[in-house]
Amino acid sequence: MGAPLRCVLARMARMSAQRMVHPKPSPVERPLVWLTDLVLRWPFTTLIVGLVLAGLAMAASHRWMGFRTNRLDLLNPNSEFNRRWIEYVREFGDQEDVVVVVEGADRQQVLPVRDALAERIAQNPQLFHSVLWRIDPSRLRAKGLYYLSCEDLERIEDFLDRAEQVVREGWHWLDLAFLGGAWNKSFLKMKWMPCSKG
């Protein structure tokens, strides 16, 4: 029973070999066979060459390779949007703003929640800086001209015009007779030319 089985297996192997399509040889087949023979002949030399190449690769990656975590590195640097964004970051910095909105039925509900939230956020300076939640009106004093009436602004403008003449043309513009005439003129101007609102 052993001989007929061997015979059947041999016949099946011949038939499958006849049906098998032999692929065309690959262009890298001969160099790979040559490299395999070389490695098998000199295994120790191959190991040394591999270690030297690995060391060179590590040195090169340490010297020239780096991680980039900025999202701008993923975008095309020549695109219009990316150029505008880079200009914005150069002008204002790459810090991102977070705006928190507290909503409630009335002001009395919102204020305590706003205060508690702002204080809690301010307790984490490593995560958040420049927490702006209360406006200090003393800083607005430098912009006080915005709150003056038209008449006051016209008086200031007239004073600046006169002061410019003094600086440009000399101190004789501070003569009392001239000042009296200039004040009279500005008074008439304010009386007959009301300021336009709007």
Protein backbone atom coordinates (compact mmCIF):
# COMPACT_ATOMS: atom_id res chain seq x y z
CA MET A 1 0.00 0.00 0.00
CA GLY A 2 2.96 2.27 0.50
CA ALA A 3 4.19 1.92 -3.11
CA PRO A 4 0.85 2.79 -4.83
CA LEU A 5 0.46 5.83 -2.57
CA ARG A 6 3.93 7.04 -3.48
CA CYS A 7 3.11 6.55 -7.11
CA VAL A 8 -0.11 8.58 -6.86
CA LEU A 9 1.66 11.39 -5.02
CA ALA A 10 4.44 11.52 -7.59
CA ARG A 11 1.91 11.64 -10.47
CA MET A 12 -0.01 14.46 -8.73
CA ALA A 13 3.22 16.41 -8.23
CA ARG A 14 4.11 16.04 -11.94
CA MET A 15 0.63 17.19 -12.99
CA SER A 16 0.68 20.23 -10.70
CA ALA A 17 4.19 21.13 -11.92
CA GLN A 18 2.99 20.98 -15.53
CA ARG A 19 -0.01 23.26 -14.74
CA MET A 20 2.04 25.74 -12.72
CA VAL A 21 2.84 28.96 -14.60
CA HIS A 22 6.43 30.04 -14.15
CA PRO A 23 6.60 33.83 -13.60
CA LYS A 24 9.16 35.95 -15.39
CA PRO A 25 12.31 36.45 -13.36
CA SER A 26 12.37 39.67 -11.36
CA PRO A 27 15.09 42.25 -12.16
CA VAL A 28 16.18 42.21 -8.51
CA GLU A 29 16.29 38.41 -8.27
CA ARG A 30 19.96 38.05 -9.28
CA PRO A 31 21.23 40.88 -7.01
CA LEU A 32 19.28 39.41 -4.07
CA VAL A 33 20.71 35.93 -4.69
CA TRP A 34 24.20 37.45 -4.91
CA LEU A 35 23.67 39.39 -1.66
CA THR A 36 22.35 36.30 0.13
CA ASP A 37 25.42 34.30 -0.96
CA LEU A 38 27.66 37.11 0.24
CA VAL A 39 25.97 37.25 3.66
CA LEU A 40 26.16 33.47 4.06
CA ARG A 41 29.88 33.42 3.15
CA TRP A 42 30.93 36.23 5.55
CA PRO A 43 28.36 36.46 8.39
CA PHE A 44 30.68 38.20 10.87
CA THR A 45 31.68 40.88 8.35
CA THR A 46 27.99 41.37 7.48
CA LEU A 47 27.17 41.87 11.15
CA ILE A 48 29.95 44.46 11.56
CA VAL A 49 28.84 46.36 8.42
CA GLY A 50 25.22 46.31 9.64
CA LEU A 51 26.20 47.70 13.06
CA VAL A 52 28.32 50.45 11.48
CA LEU A 53 25.45 51.42 9.14
CA ALA A 54 22.99 51.44 12.08
CA GLY A 55 25.35 53.71 14.06
CA LEU A 56 25.70 56.09 11.10
CA ALA A 57 21.92 56.17 10.69
CA MET A 58 21.45 56.97 14.38
CA ALA A 59 24.05 59.77 14.24
CA ALA A 60 22.45 61.24 11.10
CA SER A 61 18.96 61.12 12.60
CA HIS A 62 20.21 62.74 15.82
CA ARG A 63 21.91 65.49 13.85
CA TRP A 64 19.32 66.28 11.15
CA MET A 65 16.03 64.69 12.13
CA GLY A 66 13.51 66.39 14.39
CA PHE A 67 9.91 66.38 15.46
CA ARG A 68 7.57 69.08 14.24
CA THR A 69 4.41 69.47 16.23
CA ASN A 70 3.23 72.76 14.79
CA ARG A 71 0.08 72.44 12.71
CA LEU A 72 1.52 74.90 10.18
CA ASP A 73 4.05 72.26 9.17
CA LEU A 74 1.20 70.17 7.75
CA LEU A 75 0.04 72.95 5.43
CA ASN A 76 1.50 74.12 2.16
CA PRO A 77 3.74 77.11 3.04
CA ASN A 78 2.96 78.73 -0.33
CA SER A 79 -0.82 78.72 0.05
CA GLU A 80 -2.50 82.10 0.48
CA PHE A 81 -4.29 81.07 3.68
CA ASN A 82 -1.11 79.75 5.27
CA ARG A 83 0.87 82.90 4.41
CA ARG A 84 -1.83 85.08 5.96
CA TRP A 85 -1.90 82.90 9.08
CA ILE A 86 1.90 83.08 9.44
CA GLU A 87 1.75 86.88 9.16
CA TYR A 88 -0.99 86.95 11.81
CA VAL A 89 1.07 84.76 14.15
CA ARG A 90 4.14 86.97 13.66
CA GLU A 91 2.07 90.08 14.44
CA PHE A 92 -0.01 88.82 17.37
CA GLY A 93 1.75 85.66 18.59
CA ASP A 94 0.68 82.05 18.42
CA GLN A 95 -1.34 82.07 21.63
CA GLU A 96 -4.93 81.06 21.15
CA ASP A 97 -7.83 82.83 22.81
CA VAL A 98 -10.67 81.16 24.63
CA VAL A 99 -13.93 83.01 25.14
CA VAL A 100 -16.31 81.71 27.80
CA VAL A 101 -19.92 82.90 27.70
CA VAL A 102 -22.09 82.61 30.79
CA GLU A 103 -25.81 82.77 30.15
CA GLY A 104 -28.52 83.37 32.72
CA ALA A 105 -31.96 84.81 33.24
CA ASP A 106 -30.59 88.08 34.63
CA ARG A 107 -27.38 89.81 35.65
CA GLN A 108 -27.67 88.68 39.27
CA GLN A 109 -27.45 85.04 38.18
CA VAL A 110 -24.55 85.55 35.78
CA LEU A 111 -22.14 87.60 37.92
CA PRO A 112 -21.43 85.03 40.68
CA VAL A 113 -20.95 82.26 38.15
CA ARG A 114 -18.67 84.46 36.04
CA ASP A 115 -16.58 85.44 39.06
CA ALA A 116 -16.23 81.87 40.31
CA LEU A 117 -15.33 80.56 36.87
CA ALA A 118 -12.76 83.30 36.26
CA GLU A 119 -11.12 82.73 39.64
CA ARG A 120 -10.94 78.98 39.01
CA ILE A 121 -9.37 79.50 35.60
CA ALA A 122 -6.88 82.04 37.01
CA GLN A 123 -5.72 79.41 39.54
CA ASN A 124 -4.09 77.50 36.66
CA PRO A 125 -1.45 79.90 35.28
CA GLN A 126 0.40 77.03 33.60
CA LEU A 127 -2.68 76.44 31.40
CA PHE A 128 -4.18 79.92 31.12
CA HIS A 129 -2.57 83.33 31.27
CA SER A 130 -3.94 86.83 30.81
CA VAL A 131 -7.37 85.92 32.15
CA LEU A 132 -9.52 88.96 31.37
CA TRP A 133 -12.81 88.95 33.17
CA ARG A 134 -13.04 92.33 34.88
CA ILE A 135 -12.48 95.59 33.06
CA ASP A 136 -10.46 98.15 34.95
CA PRO A 137 -11.92 101.56 33.96
CA SER A 138 -8.76 103.39 35.05
CA ARG A 139 -7.10 102.16 31.86
CA LEU A 140 -9.76 103.94 29.82
CA ARG A 141 -8.64 107.35 31.06
CA ALA A 142 -6.00 107.45 28.36
CA LYS A 143 -8.83 107.26 25.83
CA GLY A 144 -10.85 109.95 27.58
CA LEU A 145 -11.16 112.05 24.42
CA TYR A 146 -13.74 109.54 23.19
CA TYR A 147 -16.10 110.65 25.94
CA LEU A 148 -15.87 114.42 25.45
CA SER A 149 -18.59 116.50 23.82
CA CYS A 150 -18.15 118.02 20.37
CA GLU A 151 -17.70 121.47 21.91
CA ASP A 152 -14.89 120.29 24.15
CA LEU A 153 -13.18 118.57 21.24
CA GLU A 154 -13.43 121.75 19.13
CA ARG A 155 -11.87 123.79 21.96
CA ILE A 156 -9.02 121.30 22.26
CA GLU A 157 -8.49 121.35 18.50
CA ASP A 158 -8.39 125.16 18.51
CA PHE A 159 -5.88 125.13 21.36
CA LEU A 160 -3.68 122.66 19.49
CA ASP A 161 -3.83 124.82 16.35
CA ARG A 162 -2.62 127.82 18.36
CA ALA A 163 0.05 125.78 20.11
CA GLU A 164 1.29 124.55 16.75
CA GLN A 165 1.66 128.18 15.59
CA VAL A 166 3.67 128.97 18.70
CA VAL A 167 5.99 126.03 18.15
CA ARG A 168 6.36 126.71 14.43
CA GLU A 169 6.51 130.51 14.28
CA GLY A 170 7.64 131.72 17.69
CA TRP A 171 6.57 132.92 21.14
CA HIS A 172 5.00 136.23 19.98
CA TRP A 173 1.78 134.24 19.43
CA LEU A 174 1.43 134.14 23.21
CA ASP A 175 1.04 137.94 23.32
CA LEU A 176 -2.02 138.93 25.44
CA ALA A 177 -3.59 141.01 22.65
CA PHE A 178 -3.33 138.12 20.24
CA LEU A 179 -4.70 135.64 22.76
CA GLY A 180 -7.70 137.87 23.51
CA GLY A 181 -8.50 138.15 19.80
CA ALA A 182 -8.08 134.39 19.27
CA TRP A 183 -10.38 133.58 22.20
CA ASN A 184 -12.99 135.96 20.92
CA LYS A 185 -12.75 134.39 17.48
CA SER A 186 -13.09 130.86 18.86
CA PHE A 187 -16.08 131.94 20.98
CA LEU A 188 -17.85 133.33 17.91
CA LYS A 189 -16.99 130.21 15.99
CA MET A 190 -18.48 127.95 18.66
CA LYS A 191 -21.58 130.13 18.93
CA TRP A 192 -22.45 130.25 15.22
CA MET A 193 -21.13 126.88 14.03
CA PRO A 194 -22.74 124.13 16.09
CA CYS A 195 -21.03 120.82 16.00
CA SER A 196 -22.50 118.17 13.75
CA LYS A 197 -23.72 115.09 15.56
CA GLY A 198 -23.70 111.91 13.63
